[in-house]
Amino acid sequence: MRLIGAPDANNHDVVDLIFHDPSLTANVLRISNSSYYGINRKIDSLDEAIMRIGARELYRIVVAISGSLMLTHLDKRKGCEDNALLNHSLASATAAQLMASDLGEDENLAFTATLLHDIGKIVISAVSENFYGYAQEVKDTETDLLAAEERVLGVSHAEVGGRLLEHWQFPENLIQATRFHHRPVAAPKYQRLAAFLNLGNTIAYNLNRAYGHQRSNPDLTIETANLLGLSADVLADYSSRVAEKLALGDSYEACMQPESGR
C-alpha cells in the first residue's frame, strides 16, 4: 500500500515486490487470467498483468489473496458455511471501495480495512469453537450477533479484532476502524474510515452475504452515512452496484481464494 501510494513509485517496484513470493505470483497470474477480467489473451507475466489491469487493481488482488489465507476454511461446526466469512468480507470491501472512490478518498485503504473488519471472529472461533454455532441457534430471537458476543464472551469481535491488529502493530487507522466499525462515531479518530467499514458491512448483509446475523438499525445507518456526507438512501444504489460487480459470473470470491501447492 505504501509503495503504490508513493509519488515516485513505478510499476517495476510493485512487480519486484510481488515477484519475491512465487506462490503469490502464481495466484496473481491465475486471477488476472480469470473470466472476471474478460481478457482474451493469456497474461503470462506480472509486468503484463500490471499493464492490462492496472497497479491499483493488482494491489486489490494481492490484498484479497493475502486476506483470503486468514478468512477461508472456517469449519462448518463453528456455525457457518465454508468461506462465508471470506464472501462477506469481499462483498463489504467491494462496497467500501466503491464509496471511497466516489468520494475521492483512498479506495485501496478502504478495501484493505474493510476486508479485515471481521478478523476478530476468527480469533473467537479459535478459542470458542462452538460459539458461532450457538449464535446461529439464537438468530431468530432479539439477540443479534454483537450482543450475543458481549453477553456470552464479555467482548465483541470488533474489540478482539482491534486488539489483534494492535498486537500485530498495524497502523492506528486500521486498528481504530476495525475496533469501531459497528459505531464509527465513537472512534476517537478515523471516523470516516470506520464509516466505510460499517456501511460496507451493512451492504453485504443487505445482499445476503452475511456472517452471523445483525439487526437492522436505521438510525445508526443514518448516523454513519452522515459522517461521509451521504444519504442513507444511496445504500440501495451501492447495493445494486456491488451485486453487479460481484455477479460477473459470480466467480470473484471463488477466484480470489488462493490455490495451495503453487
C-alpha atoms as a PDB file:
ATOM      1  CA  MET A   1       0.000   0.000   0.000  1.00  0.00           C
ATOM      2  CA  ARG A   2       2.845   2.388   0.841  1.00  0.00           C
ATOM      3  CA  LEU A   3       4.660   1.515  -2.397  1.00  0.00           C
ATOM      4  CA  ILE A   4       1.676   2.050  -4.696  1.00  0.00           C
ATOM      5  CA  GLY A   5       0.828   5.299  -2.938  1.00  0.00           C
ATOM      6  CA  ALA A   6       4.376   6.690  -3.138  1.00  0.00           C
ATOM      7  CA  PRO A   7       4.679   9.540  -5.674  1.00  0.00           C
ATOM      8  CA  ASP A   8       7.994   8.201  -7.030  1.00  0.00           C
ATOM      9  CA  ALA A   9       6.953   4.524  -7.191  1.00  0.00           C
ATOM     10  CA  ASN A  10       6.864   2.803 -10.541  1.00  0.00           C
ATOM     11  CA  ASN A  11       5.326  -0.400 -11.783  1.00  0.00           C
ATOM     12  CA  HIS A  12       8.659  -2.219 -11.750  1.00  0.00           C
ATOM     13  CA  ASP A  13       8.937  -1.668  -7.985  1.00  0.00           C
ATOM     14  CA  VAL A  14       5.500  -3.204  -7.441  1.00  0.00           C
ATOM     15  CA  VAL A  15       6.235  -6.187  -9.689  1.00  0.00           C
ATOM     16  CA  ASP A  16       9.588  -6.781  -7.999  1.00  0.00           C
ATOM     17  CA  LEU A  17       7.967  -6.856  -4.568  1.00  0.00           C
ATOM     18  CA  ILE A  18       5.303  -9.393  -5.598  1.00  0.00           C
ATOM     19  CA  PHE A  19       7.805 -11.465  -7.584  1.00  0.00           C
ATOM     20  CA  HIS A  20       9.690 -12.341  -4.388  1.00  0.00           C
ATOM     21  CA  ASP A  21       6.783 -14.592  -3.379  1.00  0.00           C
ATOM     22  CA  PRO A  22       6.403 -17.385  -6.000  1.00  0.00           C
ATOM     23  CA  SER A  23       3.046 -18.576  -4.644  1.00  0.00           C
ATOM     24  CA  LEU A  24       1.651 -15.052  -4.678  1.00  0.00           C
ATOM     25  CA  THR A  25       2.958 -14.524  -8.216  1.00  0.00           C
ATOM     26  CA  ALA A  26       1.263 -17.723  -9.416  1.00  0.00           C
ATOM     27  CA  ASN A  27      -2.039 -16.776  -7.821  1.00  0.00           C
ATOM     28  CA  VAL A  28      -1.937 -13.218  -9.185  1.00  0.00           C
ATOM     29  CA  LEU A  29      -1.447 -14.573 -12.711  1.00  0.00           C
ATOM     30  CA  ARG A  30      -4.206 -17.147 -12.224  1.00  0.00           C
ATOM     31  CA  ILE A  31      -6.685 -14.488 -11.067  1.00  0.00           C
ATOM     32  CA  SER A  32      -5.613 -11.987 -13.736  1.00  0.00           C
ATOM     33  CA  ASN A  33      -6.486 -14.628 -16.333  1.00  0.00           C
ATOM     34  CA  SER A  34      -9.876 -15.453 -14.792  1.00  0.00           C
ATOM     35  CA  SER A  35     -13.170 -14.760 -16.547  1.00  0.00           C
ATOM     36  CA  TYR A  36     -13.794 -11.907 -14.114  1.00  0.00           C
ATOM     37  CA  TYR A  37     -11.431  -9.650 -16.069  1.00  0.00           C
ATOM     38  CA  GLY A  38     -12.575 -10.791 -19.510  1.00  0.00           C
ATOM     39  CA  ILE A  39      -9.081 -10.697 -21.029  1.00  0.00           C
ATOM     40  CA  ASN A  40      -8.910 -12.707 -24.260  1.00  0.00           C
ATOM     41  CA  ARG A  41      -5.162 -13.309 -24.469  1.00  0.00           C
ATOM     42  CA  LYS A  42      -3.491 -15.068 -21.557  1.00  0.00           C
ATOM     43  CA  ILE A  43      -1.281 -12.962 -19.302  1.00  0.00           C
ATOM     44  CA  ASP A  44       2.000 -14.706 -18.556  1.00  0.00           C
ATOM     45  CA  SER A  45       3.976 -12.112 -16.590  1.00  0.00           C
ATOM     46  CA  LEU A  46       3.414  -9.654 -13.749  1.00  0.00           C
ATOM     47  CA  ASP A  47       4.576  -6.813 -15.991  1.00  0.00           C
ATOM     48  CA  GLU A  48       1.805  -7.604 -18.448  1.00  0.00           C
ATOM     49  CA  ALA A  49      -0.713  -8.043 -15.642  1.00  0.00           C
ATOM     50  CA  ILE A  50       0.003  -4.584 -14.295  1.00  0.00           C
ATOM     51  CA  MET A  51      -0.248  -3.124 -17.811  1.00  0.00           C
ATOM     52  CA  ARG A  52      -3.559  -4.847 -18.564  1.00  0.00           C
ATOM     53  CA  ILE A  53      -5.435  -4.451 -15.279  1.00  0.00           C
ATOM     54  CA  GLY A  54      -3.556  -1.576 -13.629  1.00  0.00           C
ATOM     55  CA  ALA A  55      -1.477  -1.168 -10.491  1.00  0.00           C
ATOM     56  CA  ARG A  56      -4.413  -0.453  -8.198  1.00  0.00           C
ATOM     57  CA  GLU A  57      -6.377  -3.486  -9.338  1.00  0.00           C
ATOM     58  CA  LEU A  58      -3.244  -5.610  -8.964  1.00  0.00           C
ATOM     59  CA  TYR A  59      -2.902  -4.289  -5.425  1.00  0.00           C
ATOM     60  CA  ARG A  60      -6.521  -5.248  -4.702  1.00  0.00           C
ATOM     61  CA  ILE A  61      -5.840  -8.790  -5.908  1.00  0.00           C
ATOM     62  CA  VAL A  62      -2.764  -9.102  -3.699  1.00  0.00           C
ATOM     63  CA  VAL A  63      -4.655  -7.835  -0.634  1.00  0.00           C
ATOM     64  CA  ALA A  64      -7.582 -10.172  -1.320  1.00  0.00           C
ATOM     65  CA  ILE A  65      -5.286 -13.190  -1.712  1.00  0.00           C
ATOM     66  CA  SER A  66      -3.432 -12.357   1.494  1.00  0.00           C
ATOM     67  CA  GLY A  67      -6.668 -11.781   3.367  1.00  0.00           C
ATOM     68  CA  SER A  68      -8.127 -14.996   1.991  1.00  0.00           C
ATOM     69  CA  LEU A  69      -5.434 -17.013   3.728  1.00  0.00           C
ATOM     70  CA  MET A  70      -6.956 -15.895   7.036  1.00  0.00           C
ATOM     71  CA  LEU A  71     -10.602 -15.704   6.075  1.00  0.00           C
ATOM     72  CA  THR A  72     -11.185 -19.079   4.417  1.00  0.00           C
ATOM     73  CA  HIS A  73     -11.907 -22.545   5.674  1.00  0.00           C
ATOM     74  CA  LEU A  74     -13.620 -21.830   8.977  1.00  0.00           C
ATOM     75  CA  ASP A  75     -15.080 -25.202   9.933  1.00  0.00           C
ATOM     76  CA  LYS A  76     -18.811 -25.743   9.395  1.00  0.00           C
ATOM     77  CA  ARG A  77     -19.066 -26.878  13.005  1.00  0.00           C
ATOM     78  CA  LYS A  78     -18.475 -23.277  14.016  1.00  0.00           C
ATOM     79  CA  GLY A  79     -21.896 -22.304  12.720  1.00  0.00           C
ATOM     80  CA  CYS A  80     -21.385 -21.006   9.185  1.00  0.00           C
ATOM     81  CA  GLU A  81     -20.694 -22.445   5.773  1.00  0.00           C
ATOM     82  CA  ASP A  82     -17.151 -22.721   4.472  1.00  0.00           C
ATOM     83  CA  ASN A  83     -15.827 -19.424   3.076  1.00  0.00           C
ATOM     84  CA  ALA A  84     -18.857 -17.476   4.327  1.00  0.00           C
ATOM     85  CA  LEU A  85     -16.568 -15.018   6.130  1.00  0.00           C
ATOM     86  CA  LEU A  86     -14.434 -14.521   3.026  1.00  0.00           C
ATOM     87  CA  ASN A  87     -17.505 -13.938   0.846  1.00  0.00           C
ATOM     88  CA  HIS A  88     -18.933 -11.479   3.380  1.00  0.00           C
ATOM     89  CA  SER A  89     -15.622  -9.648   3.740  1.00  0.00           C
ATOM     90  CA  LEU A  90     -15.087  -9.325  -0.021  1.00  0.00           C
ATOM     91  CA  ALA A  91     -18.614  -8.008  -0.568  1.00  0.00           C
ATOM     92  CA  SER A  92     -18.129  -5.483   2.257  1.00  0.00           C
ATOM     93  CA  ALA A  93     -14.718  -4.428   0.936  1.00  0.00           C
ATOM     94  CA  THR A  94     -16.036  -4.001  -2.605  1.00  0.00           C
ATOM     95  CA  ALA A  95     -18.812  -1.730  -1.328  1.00  0.00           C
ATOM     96  CA  ALA A  96     -16.370   0.332   0.739  1.00  0.00           C
ATOM     97  CA  GLN A  97     -14.038   0.675  -2.215  1.00  0.00           C
ATOM     98  CA  LEU A  98     -16.820   1.971  -4.458  1.00  0.00           C
ATOM     99  CA  MET A  99     -17.903   4.538  -1.877  1.00  0.00           C
ATOM    100  CA  ALA A 100     -14.353   5.712  -1.213  1.00  0.00           C
ATOM    101  CA  SER A 101     -13.678   6.052  -4.937  1.00  0.00           C
ATOM    102  CA  ASP A 102     -16.842   8.114  -5.447  1.00  0.00           C
ATOM    103  CA  LEU A 103     -15.877  10.390  -2.547  1.00  0.00           C
ATOM    104  CA  GLY A 104     -12.311  10.875  -3.767  1.00  0.00           C
ATOM    105  CA  GLU A 105     -10.743   9.035  -0.832  1.00  0.00           C
ATOM    106  CA  ASP A 106      -8.171   6.237  -0.699  1.00  0.00           C
ATOM    107  CA  GLU A 107     -10.082   3.307  -2.162  1.00  0.00           C
ATOM    108  CA  ASN A 108      -7.239   0.844  -1.538  1.00  0.00           C
ATOM    109  CA  LEU A 109      -7.163   1.759   2.147  1.00  0.00           C
ATOM    110  CA  ALA A 110     -10.947   1.380   2.347  1.00  0.00           C
ATOM    111  CA  PHE A 111     -10.779  -2.014   0.631  1.00  0.00           C
ATOM    112  CA  THR A 112      -7.970  -3.289   2.869  1.00  0.00           C
ATOM    113  CA  ALA A 113      -9.517  -2.054   6.125  1.00  0.00           C
ATOM    114  CA  THR A 114     -12.931  -3.456   5.289  1.00  0.00           C
ATOM    115  CA  LEU A 115     -11.535  -6.802   4.198  1.00  0.00           C
ATOM    116  CA  LEU A 116     -10.113  -7.153   7.731  1.00  0.00           C
ATOM    117  CA  HIS A 117     -13.087  -5.738   9.646  1.00  0.00           C
ATOM    118  CA  ASP A 118     -14.297  -9.106  10.987  1.00  0.00           C
ATOM    119  CA  ILE A 119     -10.898 -10.649  11.711  1.00  0.00           C
ATOM    120  CA  GLY A 120     -11.881 -10.801  15.391  1.00  0.00           C
ATOM    121  CA  LYS A 121     -14.393 -13.519  14.501  1.00  0.00           C
ATOM    122  CA  ILE A 122     -11.509 -15.799  13.512  1.00  0.00           C
ATOM    123  CA  VAL A 123      -9.973 -15.387  16.963  1.00  0.00           C
ATOM    124  CA  ILE A 124     -13.301 -16.070  18.668  1.00  0.00           C
ATOM    125  CA  SER A 125     -13.809 -19.181  16.531  1.00  0.00           C
ATOM    126  CA  ALA A 126     -10.364 -20.418  17.505  1.00  0.00           C
ATOM    127  CA  VAL A 127     -10.850 -20.041  21.250  1.00  0.00           C
ATOM    128  CA  SER A 128     -14.577 -20.818  21.434  1.00  0.00           C
ATOM    129  CA  GLU A 129     -15.241 -23.454  18.798  1.00  0.00           C
ATOM    130  CA  ASN A 130     -18.966 -23.743  19.414  1.00  0.00           C
ATOM    131  CA  PHE A 131     -19.822 -20.072  19.857  1.00  0.00           C
ATOM    132  CA  TYR A 132     -20.957 -19.265  16.326  1.00  0.00           C
ATOM    133  CA  GLY A 133     -22.971 -22.462  16.221  1.00  0.00           C
ATOM    134  CA  TYR A 134     -24.746 -21.178  19.332  1.00  0.00           C
ATOM    135  CA  ALA A 135     -25.179 -17.744  17.746  1.00  0.00           C
ATOM    136  CA  GLN A 136     -26.887 -19.310  14.749  1.00  0.00           C
ATOM    137  CA  GLU A 137     -29.334 -21.052  17.066  1.00  0.00           C
ATOM    138  CA  VAL A 138     -30.463 -17.758  18.625  1.00  0.00           C
ATOM    139  CA  LYS A 139     -30.566 -15.732  15.423  1.00  0.00           C
ATOM    140  CA  ASP A 140     -34.366 -15.696  15.406  1.00  0.00           C
ATOM    141  CA  THR A 141     -34.508 -14.036  18.813  1.00  0.00           C
ATOM    142  CA  GLU A 142     -33.916 -10.362  19.528  1.00  0.00           C
ATOM    143  CA  THR A 143     -30.251 -11.030  20.278  1.00  0.00           C
ATOM    144  CA  ASP A 144     -28.023 -10.087  17.334  1.00  0.00           C
ATOM    145  CA  LEU A 145     -24.501 -11.421  16.941  1.00  0.00           C
ATOM    146  CA  LEU A 146     -22.736  -8.462  18.545  1.00  0.00           C
ATOM    147  CA  ALA A 147     -24.988  -8.575  21.602  1.00  0.00           C
ATOM    148  CA  ALA A 148     -24.563 -12.346  21.870  1.00  0.00           C
ATOM    149  CA  GLU A 149     -20.770 -11.983  21.799  1.00  0.00           C
ATOM    150  CA  GLU A 150     -20.756  -9.374  24.546  1.00  0.00           C
ATOM    151  CA  ARG A 151     -23.235 -11.293  26.723  1.00  0.00           C
ATOM    152  CA  VAL A 152     -21.615 -14.730  26.380  1.00  0.00           C
ATOM    153  CA  LEU A 153     -17.942 -13.828  25.904  1.00  0.00           C
ATOM    154  CA  GLY A 154     -17.767 -10.424  27.526  1.00  0.00           C
ATOM    155  CA  VAL A 155     -16.188  -8.898  24.414  1.00  0.00           C
ATOM    156  CA  SER A 156     -17.196  -8.251  20.802  1.00  0.00           C
ATOM    157  CA  HIS A 157     -15.412  -9.388  17.650  1.00  0.00           C
ATOM    158  CA  ALA A 158     -14.789  -5.716  16.839  1.00  0.00           C
ATOM    159  CA  GLU A 159     -12.830  -5.214  20.058  1.00  0.00           C
ATOM    160  CA  VAL A 160     -10.979  -8.503  19.601  1.00  0.00           C
ATOM    161  CA  GLY A 161     -10.074  -7.565  16.024  1.00  0.00           C
ATOM    162  CA  GLY A 162      -8.790  -4.157  17.118  1.00  0.00           C
ATOM    163  CA  ARG A 163      -6.645  -5.720  19.829  1.00  0.00           C
ATOM    164  CA  LEU A 164      -5.229  -8.257  17.360  1.00  0.00           C
ATOM    165  CA  LEU A 165      -4.244  -5.586  14.833  1.00  0.00           C
ATOM    166  CA  GLU A 166      -2.741  -3.547  17.673  1.00  0.00           C
ATOM    167  CA  HIS A 167      -0.703  -6.596  18.766  1.00  0.00           C
ATOM    168  CA  TRP A 168       0.477  -7.015  15.169  1.00  0.00           C
ATOM    169  CA  GLN A 169       1.498  -3.327  15.144  1.00  0.00           C
ATOM    170  CA  PHE A 170      -0.820  -2.340  12.312  1.00  0.00           C
ATOM    171  CA  PRO A 171      -1.315   1.384  11.613  1.00  0.00           C
ATOM    172  CA  GLU A 172      -3.593   3.154  14.060  1.00  0.00           C
ATOM    173  CA  ASN A 173      -6.158   3.994  11.371  1.00  0.00           C
ATOM    174  CA  LEU A 174      -6.738   0.285  10.645  1.00  0.00           C
ATOM    175  CA  ILE A 175      -6.862  -0.550  14.370  1.00  0.00           C
ATOM    176  CA  GLN A 176      -9.482   2.099  15.143  1.00  0.00           C
ATOM    177  CA  ALA A 177     -11.544   1.390  12.025  1.00  0.00           C
ATOM    178  CA  THR A 178     -11.763  -2.295  12.974  1.00  0.00           C
ATOM    179  CA  ARG A 179     -12.460  -1.645  16.646  1.00  0.00           C
ATOM    180  CA  PHE A 180     -15.239   0.891  15.965  1.00  0.00           C
ATOM    181  CA  HIS A 181     -16.742  -0.461  12.752  1.00  0.00           C
ATOM    182  CA  HIS A 182     -20.089  -1.064  14.464  1.00  0.00           C
ATOM    183  CA  ARG A 183     -20.217   2.508  15.848  1.00  0.00           C
ATOM    184  CA  PRO A 184     -17.904   4.760  13.791  1.00  0.00           C
ATOM    185  CA  VAL A 185     -18.999   7.952  15.552  1.00  0.00           C
ATOM    186  CA  ALA A 186     -17.477   6.585  18.785  1.00  0.00           C
ATOM    187  CA  ALA A 187     -13.972   6.334  17.281  1.00  0.00           C
ATOM    188  CA  PRO A 188     -11.522   8.898  18.714  1.00  0.00           C
ATOM    189  CA  LYS A 189     -10.114   9.420  15.195  1.00  0.00           C
ATOM    190  CA  TYR A 190     -10.552   7.939  11.720  1.00  0.00           C
ATOM    191  CA  GLN A 191     -14.329   8.029  11.944  1.00  0.00           C
ATOM    192  CA  ARG A 192     -14.680   8.269   8.171  1.00  0.00           C
ATOM    193  CA  LEU A 193     -12.626   5.135   7.581  1.00  0.00           C
ATOM    194  CA  ALA A 194     -14.679   3.301  10.204  1.00  0.00           C
ATOM    195  CA  ALA A 195     -17.808   4.545   8.415  1.00  0.00           C
ATOM    196  CA  PHE A 196     -16.708   2.865   5.182  1.00  0.00           C
ATOM    197  CA  LEU A 197     -16.342  -0.408   7.103  1.00  0.00           C
ATOM    198  CA  ASN A 198     -19.747  -0.006   8.717  1.00  0.00           C
ATOM    199  CA  LEU A 199     -21.638   0.822   5.534  1.00  0.00           C
ATOM    200  CA  GLY A 200     -19.771  -1.814   3.525  1.00  0.00           C
ATOM    201  CA  ASN A 201     -20.749  -4.340   6.173  1.00  0.00           C
ATOM    202  CA  THR A 202     -24.388  -3.193   6.027  1.00  0.00           C
ATOM    203  CA  ILE A 203     -24.482  -3.501   2.244  1.00  0.00           C
ATOM    204  CA  ALA A 204     -23.061  -7.033   2.421  1.00  0.00           C
ATOM    205  CA  TYR A 205     -25.852  -8.005   4.822  1.00  0.00           C
ATOM    206  CA  ASN A 206     -28.419  -6.383   2.534  1.00  0.00           C
ATOM    207  CA  LEU A 207     -27.105  -8.623  -0.261  1.00  0.00           C
ATOM    208  CA  ASN A 208     -27.449 -11.727   1.946  1.00  0.00           C
ATOM    209  CA  ARG A 209     -23.681 -12.112   2.093  1.00  0.00           C
ATOM    210  CA  ALA A 210     -23.653 -12.351   5.859  1.00  0.00           C
ATOM    211  CA  TYR A 211     -21.548 -13.952   8.542  1.00  0.00           C
ATOM    212  CA  GLY A 212     -23.703 -14.303  11.604  1.00  0.00           C
ATOM    213  CA  HIS A 213     -26.731 -12.058  11.995  1.00  0.00           C
ATOM    214  CA  GLN A 214     -27.380  -8.478  12.948  1.00  0.00           C
ATOM    215  CA  ARG A 215     -30.456  -6.393  13.477  1.00  0.00           C
ATOM    216  CA  SER A 216     -31.111  -3.524  11.128  1.00  0.00           C
ATOM    217  CA  ASN A 217     -30.646  -0.148  12.821  1.00  0.00           C
ATOM    218  CA  PRO A 218     -31.816   2.661  10.524  1.00  0.00           C
ATOM    219  CA  ASP A 219     -30.825   5.374  12.998  1.00  0.00           C
ATOM    220  CA  LEU A 220     -27.264   4.069  13.186  1.00  0.00           C
ATOM    221  CA  THR A 221     -27.100   3.786   9.396  1.00  0.00           C
ATOM    222  CA  ILE A 222     -28.187   7.414   9.025  1.00  0.00           C
ATOM    223  CA  GLU A 223     -25.669   8.488  11.674  1.00  0.00           C
ATOM    224  CA  THR A 224     -22.872   6.664   9.873  1.00  0.00           C
ATOM    225  CA  ALA A 225     -23.867   7.878   6.409  1.00  0.00           C
ATOM    226  CA  ASN A 226     -23.814  11.456   7.726  1.00  0.00           C
ATOM    227  CA  LEU A 227     -20.152  11.036   8.642  1.00  0.00           C
ATOM    228  CA  LEU A 228     -19.427  10.615   4.924  1.00  0.00           C
ATOM    229  CA  GLY A 229     -21.906  13.244   3.790  1.00  0.00           C
ATOM    230  CA  LEU A 230     -24.109  10.576   2.237  1.00  0.00           C
ATOM    231  CA  SER A 231     -27.813   9.932   2.428  1.00  0.00           C
ATOM    232  CA  ALA A 232     -28.789   6.519   3.752  1.00  0.00           C
ATOM    233  CA  ASP A 233     -30.967   6.219   0.655  1.00  0.00           C
ATOM    234  CA  VAL A 234     -27.894   5.819  -1.566  1.00  0.00           C
ATOM    235  CA  LEU A 235     -27.092   2.455   0.045  1.00  0.00           C
ATOM    236  CA  ALA A 236     -29.661   0.818  -2.221  1.00  0.00           C
ATOM    237  CA  ASP A 237     -27.777   2.130  -5.242  1.00  0.00           C
ATOM    238  CA  TYR A 238     -24.476   0.893  -3.865  1.00  0.00           C
ATOM    239  CA  SER A 239     -26.043  -2.484  -3.133  1.00  0.00           C
ATOM    240  CA  SER A 240     -27.018  -2.756  -6.795  1.00  0.00           C
ATOM    241  CA  ARG A 241     -23.550  -1.750  -7.961  1.00  0.00           C
ATOM    242  CA  VAL A 242     -21.840  -4.219  -5.629  1.00  0.00           C
ATOM    243  CA  ALA A 243     -24.202  -7.000  -6.676  1.00  0.00           C
ATOM    244  CA  GLU A 244     -23.428  -6.258 -10.318  1.00  0.00           C
ATOM    245  CA  LYS A 245     -19.690  -6.207  -9.658  1.00  0.00           C
ATOM    246  CA  LEU A 246     -19.764  -9.486  -7.756  1.00  0.00           C
ATOM    247  CA  ALA A 247     -22.130 -11.123 -10.224  1.00  0.00           C
ATOM    248  CA  LEU A 248     -19.664 -11.133 -13.115  1.00  0.00           C
ATOM    249  CA  GLY A 249     -20.067 -14.874 -13.360  1.00  0.00           C
ATOM    250  CA  ASP A 250     -20.455 -14.762  -9.535  1.00  0.00           C
ATOM    251  CA  SER A 251     -16.929 -16.119  -9.524  1.00  0.00           C
ATOM    252  CA  TYR A 252     -14.961 -13.297  -7.930  1.00  0.00           C
ATOM    253  CA  GLU A 253     -14.932 -14.807  -4.459  1.00  0.00           C
ATOM    254  CA  ALA A 254     -14.010 -18.217  -5.855  1.00  0.00           C
ATOM    255  CA  CYS A 255     -11.135 -16.948  -7.965  1.00  0.00           C
ATOM    256  CA  MET A 256      -9.778 -14.879  -5.070  1.00  0.00           C
ATOM    257  CA  GLN A 257      -9.244 -17.990  -2.979  1.00  0.00           C
ATOM    258  CA  PRO A 258      -5.526 -18.874  -3.202  1.00  0.00           C
ATOM    259  CA  GLU A 259      -4.555 -22.261  -4.515  1.00  0.00           C
ATOM    260  CA  SER A 260      -2.168 -24.269  -2.395  1.00  0.00           C
ATOM    261  CA  GLY A 261       0.951 -26.015  -3.604  1.00  0.00           C
ATOM    262  CA  ARG A 262       1.746 -23.384  -6.195  1.00  0.00           C
END
